[in-house]
């Protein structure tokens, strides 16, 4: 499955939620127009089961499921790819293990040079952020709008923006060159279908 070039990138918020509730919330986000889903779970109870069921759900909407951080979990459930952060395996290792068709995305924070290097080494997309104060990652270093503007001049892969993004502040990120908006609380702290639709309308 291909990585979409534009749209809403929903990141799960499974903390303290039952599996059925997570699935229900993600399906609502998909109905609202999310074009990619990332399974992110910092306190997993049964990650393989939830990831497997999320994969089935996402594919029923022809949407790819990516796994945050874990190449092992992506392999175990046959997910469409992974999103790698600062402390994860490098792109080459992930590509070798997951195969040529896997989607591999990289967190690049506020670093255009890192993004260019990631793209040269085969990343399918790069992510910058956080752009606004974030409840999920309150201590994350801020990223600048100018970083997006510079990245669009140098990169041909899709650019994802993340961090405290709301429908009210997202427009400036899209205007600066973001192709996708990655959102957690802005979707799942609300009624997910309506929240997702509010973002999708921006595209």
Protein backbone atom coordinates (compact mmCIF):
# COMPACT_ATOMS: atom_id res chain seq x y z
CA UNK A 1 0.00 0.00 0.00
CA UNK A 2 1.31 3.46 -0.95
CA UNK A 3 1.90 6.30 1.46
CA UNK A 4 -0.58 9.11 0.71
CA UNK A 5 0.83 12.39 -0.53
CA UNK A 6 -1.65 14.64 1.28
CA UNK A 7 -4.18 14.52 4.08
CA UNK A 8 -4.76 13.72 7.74
CA UNK A 9 -2.33 11.36 9.49
CA UNK A 10 -4.03 9.97 12.60
CA UNK A 11 -1.90 8.68 15.48
CA UNK A 12 -3.59 6.40 17.99
CA UNK A 13 -4.14 7.32 21.61
CA UNK A 14 -4.75 3.93 23.28
CA UNK A 15 -3.67 4.82 26.84
CA UNK A 16 -6.22 3.58 29.39
CA UNK A 17 -8.64 2.57 26.64
CA UNK A 18 -10.00 -0.88 25.92
CA UNK A 19 -9.10 -2.44 22.57
CA UNK A 20 -12.70 -2.13 21.36
CA UNK A 21 -12.72 1.57 22.25
CA UNK A 22 -9.46 2.18 20.36
CA UNK A 23 -10.82 0.39 17.30
CA UNK A 24 -14.09 2.32 17.49
CA UNK A 25 -12.22 5.64 17.74
CA UNK A 26 -9.88 4.82 14.85
CA UNK A 27 -12.77 3.73 12.66
CA UNK A 28 -14.49 7.05 13.39
CA UNK A 29 -11.31 8.89 12.34
CA UNK A 30 -11.18 6.85 9.14
CA UNK A 31 -14.80 7.71 8.42
CA UNK A 32 -13.86 11.34 8.96
CA UNK A 33 -11.19 11.11 6.28
CA UNK A 34 -7.88 10.06 7.85
CA UNK A 35 -5.61 8.81 5.05
CA UNK A 36 -2.98 7.04 7.18
CA UNK A 37 -2.95 5.64 10.74
CA UNK A 38 0.03 5.15 13.02
CA UNK A 39 -0.23 2.76 15.96
CA UNK A 40 1.57 4.50 18.80
CA UNK A 41 1.29 2.92 22.25
CA UNK A 42 3.70 3.85 25.02
CA UNK A 43 2.08 1.49 27.56
CA UNK A 44 1.02 -1.55 25.51
CA UNK A 45 -0.93 -4.36 27.11
CA UNK A 46 -1.49 -6.55 24.04
CA UNK A 47 0.25 -4.71 21.22
CA UNK A 48 0.21 -7.58 18.73
CA UNK A 49 -3.53 -8.12 19.08
CA UNK A 50 -4.40 -4.43 18.83
CA UNK A 51 -2.01 -3.81 15.94
CA UNK A 52 -3.37 -6.80 14.05
CA UNK A 53 -6.95 -5.65 14.46
CA UNK A 54 -6.04 -2.10 13.52
CA UNK A 55 -4.39 -3.40 10.35
CA UNK A 56 -7.55 -5.25 9.33
CA UNK A 57 -9.63 -2.16 10.07
CA UNK A 58 -7.36 0.22 8.17
CA UNK A 59 -7.19 -2.04 5.14
CA UNK A 60 -10.98 -2.19 5.04
CA UNK A 61 -10.76 1.56 4.34
CA UNK A 62 -7.77 1.15 1.94
CA UNK A 63 -5.61 3.10 4.43
CA UNK A 64 -2.07 2.05 5.45
CA UNK A 65 -1.19 1.23 9.07
CA UNK A 66 2.26 2.19 10.32
CA UNK A 67 3.80 1.07 13.61
CA UNK A 68 5.59 3.60 15.79
CA UNK A 69 9.20 2.65 16.64
CA UNK A 70 8.96 -1.15 16.43
CA UNK A 71 10.18 -2.98 13.33
CA UNK A 72 9.57 -6.22 15.24
CA UNK A 73 5.88 -5.48 15.75
CA UNK A 74 5.48 -4.31 12.16
CA UNK A 75 6.96 -7.60 10.98
CA UNK A 76 4.89 -9.67 13.39
CA UNK A 77 1.54 -8.29 12.23
CA UNK A 78 2.41 -7.54 8.58
CA UNK A 79 1.86 -3.78 8.96
CA UNK A 80 2.46 -1.48 6.00
CA UNK A 81 5.52 0.10 7.58
CA UNK A 82 7.10 1.92 10.51
CA UNK A 83 7.73 5.37 11.82
CA UNK A 84 11.24 5.72 13.25
CA UNK A 85 12.44 8.18 15.88
CA UNK A 86 15.81 9.27 17.17
CA UNK A 87 16.51 6.11 19.18
CA UNK A 88 15.21 3.51 16.71
CA UNK A 89 17.01 1.37 14.11
CA UNK A 90 18.32 3.14 11.03
CA UNK A 91 16.47 3.24 7.72
CA UNK A 92 18.73 0.69 6.05
CA UNK A 93 18.14 -1.89 8.75
CA UNK A 94 14.39 -1.26 8.74
CA UNK A 95 14.29 -1.55 4.93
CA UNK A 96 16.31 -4.77 4.97
CA UNK A 97 13.95 -6.36 7.46
CA UNK A 98 10.63 -5.01 6.17
CA UNK A 99 11.28 -5.14 2.44
CA UNK A 100 11.21 -2.81 -0.53
CA UNK A 101 7.47 -2.13 -0.37
CA UNK A 102 7.33 -1.09 3.29
CA UNK A 103 6.56 2.54 4.14
CA UNK A 104 9.32 4.03 6.31
CA UNK A 105 8.95 7.46 7.85
CA UNK A 106 11.46 9.38 9.97
CA UNK A 107 11.11 11.98 12.72
CA UNK A 108 13.37 14.89 11.79
CA UNK A 109 12.32 17.33 14.55
CA UNK A 110 13.58 20.72 13.29
CA UNK A 111 16.46 19.45 11.14
CA UNK A 112 16.23 19.82 7.36
CA UNK A 113 19.66 18.23 6.84
CA UNK A 114 18.50 15.12 8.72
CA UNK A 115 15.41 15.01 6.51
CA UNK A 116 17.48 15.28 3.32
CA UNK A 117 19.74 12.48 4.52
CA UNK A 118 16.72 10.33 5.42
CA UNK A 119 15.22 10.84 1.97
CA UNK A 120 18.54 9.97 0.31
CA UNK A 121 18.64 6.76 2.34
CA UNK A 122 15.17 5.72 1.25
CA UNK A 123 12.66 7.27 3.65
CA UNK A 124 9.18 7.45 2.13
CA UNK A 125 8.29 10.55 4.13
CA UNK A 126 9.80 12.84 6.75
CA UNK A 127 8.14 14.43 9.78
CA UNK A 128 8.91 17.75 11.48
CA UNK A 129 7.66 19.01 14.83
CA UNK A 130 6.46 19.86 17.35
CA UNK A 131 5.09 23.12 15.94
CA UNK A 132 2.76 24.05 18.79
CA UNK A 133 2.54 23.13 22.49
CA UNK A 134 1.65 19.44 22.71
CA UNK A 135 -0.06 17.53 25.48
CA UNK A 136 1.39 14.28 24.15
CA UNK A 137 4.99 15.51 24.09
CA UNK A 138 5.13 18.61 26.30
CA UNK A 139 8.94 18.55 26.53
CA UNK A 140 9.63 18.06 22.82
CA UNK A 141 11.84 20.72 21.26
CA UNK A 142 9.93 23.19 19.09
CA UNK A 143 10.18 23.27 15.32
CA UNK A 144 9.98 26.40 13.17
CA UNK A 145 7.64 27.22 10.31
CA UNK A 146 10.72 28.25 8.34
CA UNK A 147 11.94 24.65 8.59
CA UNK A 148 8.92 23.53 6.58
CA UNK A 149 9.52 26.24 4.02
CA UNK A 150 13.16 25.21 3.62
CA UNK A 151 12.26 21.52 3.46
CA UNK A 152 9.84 22.01 0.58
CA UNK A 153 12.65 23.55 -1.46
CA UNK A 154 14.93 20.55 -0.93
CA UNK A 155 12.74 17.47 -0.65
CA UNK A 156 10.56 15.51 -3.04
CA UNK A 157 9.14 13.08 -0.44
CA UNK A 158 5.94 13.97 1.47
CA UNK A 159 6.40 16.23 4.51
CA UNK A 160 4.44 15.58 7.71
CA UNK A 161 3.92 18.21 10.41
CA UNK A 162 3.19 17.19 14.01
CA UNK A 163 2.74 18.71 17.43
CA UNK A 164 -0.26 20.51 18.91
CA UNK A 165 -1.96 20.91 15.52
CA UNK A 166 -5.57 22.09 15.61
CA UNK A 167 -7.88 23.03 12.74
CA UNK A 168 -7.39 26.68 13.78
CA UNK A 169 -3.59 26.67 13.49
CA UNK A 170 -3.06 24.05 10.77
CA UNK A 171 -3.49 26.38 7.82
CA UNK A 172 -0.14 28.07 8.33
CA UNK A 173 1.62 24.68 8.27
CA UNK A 174 -0.07 23.71 5.01
CA UNK A 175 0.78 27.11 3.54
CA UNK A 176 4.42 26.61 4.56
CA UNK A 177 4.62 23.29 2.73
CA UNK A 178 3.34 20.48 4.97
CA UNK A 179 1.65 17.75 2.94
CA UNK A 180 0.14 15.84 5.84
CA UNK A 181 -0.93 16.81 9.35
CA UNK A 182 -0.18 14.26 12.08
CA UNK A 183 -2.66 14.55 14.93
CA UNK A 184 -3.31 12.67 18.19
CA UNK A 185 -5.27 14.64 20.80
CA UNK A 186 -6.87 16.93 18.24
CA UNK A 187 -8.73 13.86 16.99
CA UNK A 188 -9.01 11.47 19.91
CA UNK A 189 -9.68 13.97 22.70
CA UNK A 190 -12.89 14.80 20.82
CA UNK A 191 -15.55 13.00 18.80
CA UNK A 192 -13.09 11.46 16.30
CA UNK A 193 -15.19 11.45 13.14
CA UNK A 194 -16.21 15.10 13.42
CA UNK A 195 -12.70 16.11 14.50
CA UNK A 196 -11.09 14.27 11.59
CA UNK A 197 -13.53 15.86 9.16
CA UNK A 198 -12.59 19.34 10.42
CA UNK A 199 -8.95 18.65 9.52
CA UNK A 200 -9.73 16.96 6.25
CA UNK A 201 -11.68 20.00 5.10
CA UNK A 202 -8.42 21.98 5.22
CA UNK A 203 -7.13 19.91 2.30
